[in-house]
Amino acid sequence: MTVSKSDEIVLCYKCKDPMVLKRGKYGMFLGCTNYPKCNGIIDARGVRIKLKELEMVNIDYSKLYESGEIARIICECSASNEKFEILIRRYRDYIECLEDNNVCYKILEYLHKKHKYIDISIITYAIYLSRGELGTNFSFWINNSEYKSDYYERSIQNIIIKNWNISLFNELNLKYIDQEFFIGSVCEGGGRVDILALDTSDNVDVLIEVKGPKGKAKYAWGQLSSYIKIYQKFNNEHVKAMIISRGYPWGVYEDIFALIGYVIEDNKIVFIPWKI
């Protein structure tokens, strides 16, 4: 049996009760509402699921310690494990905790098991901040997890544009100019940039490439490298680029690139300034 629409009522082939869409270890499936009395299931990995609209969550990364967010997360993690709580008591404050790789591993492992990706982004940023490694350390935690999302690249792009004036991008002195902006010419290898912005701090144009949760940021780097050359030839020689992708994009990038990561938890999205 195949399922073509996510909004139609599907009856269980065993007991004729309605079935509901669920996520399992191997993807989406329809499960009988009469479970466990009935174990009828249908593979639904081909079903297009209607998702909630993304909501943006703003985090003041400059005040992570003062706001108590780090303390809250670490306390929650330590409360779940007596041995871990004893380990944390060795330290005078929570910043010292983040200097210990063993402690960091236990915190991130706990958060990953609880699917708390927003807290993972906060802790990871705090780790790099406390160690003075922001923009230089490329061994990132979130890309190692089994984080998944059914949202698409356009969903990420829309939430950025919709909330531009109250988001991280505005705080970075970026002024939104246009989206789906075509640069150069077809014969010259031109292309369409997801977002065009202006860095008002130095009056330099910014080409922004947005990657979806399943996209590869390393491909954006190569694409934007060629777009910069085309933009310099046809539009303005003063230009730089930004990649927005899930978690942290692996690899070493040129100084002309800024990197913004994001994580999605349920239908909430958080942006993280990894390299500015």
Foldseek 3Di string as FASTA:
>chain_A
DADEEQPDWDAFPPPRATWHWDADPVGIKTAHPPPPVDGGIGDHRVYQDDADQFDEDADDLVCCVVVCLLVVLLVVLCVVDVVLVVVVVVDPDSLVLLVDPVSLVSSLVVCLVVLVVVSLLSSQSSSCVSVVNFQPDQPFDPVVGPADDPDAQVSVLVNCVVCVCPHPNVVQQKAWDDAQCWFADVVLVTGTFGTWIARVVVRAIEGEHTHTAPDAQVVVQVVVVSNLVRCVVGPNVRYAYEYEYATGHGDDHDLSYWYKHWHARRSYIYIDGRGD
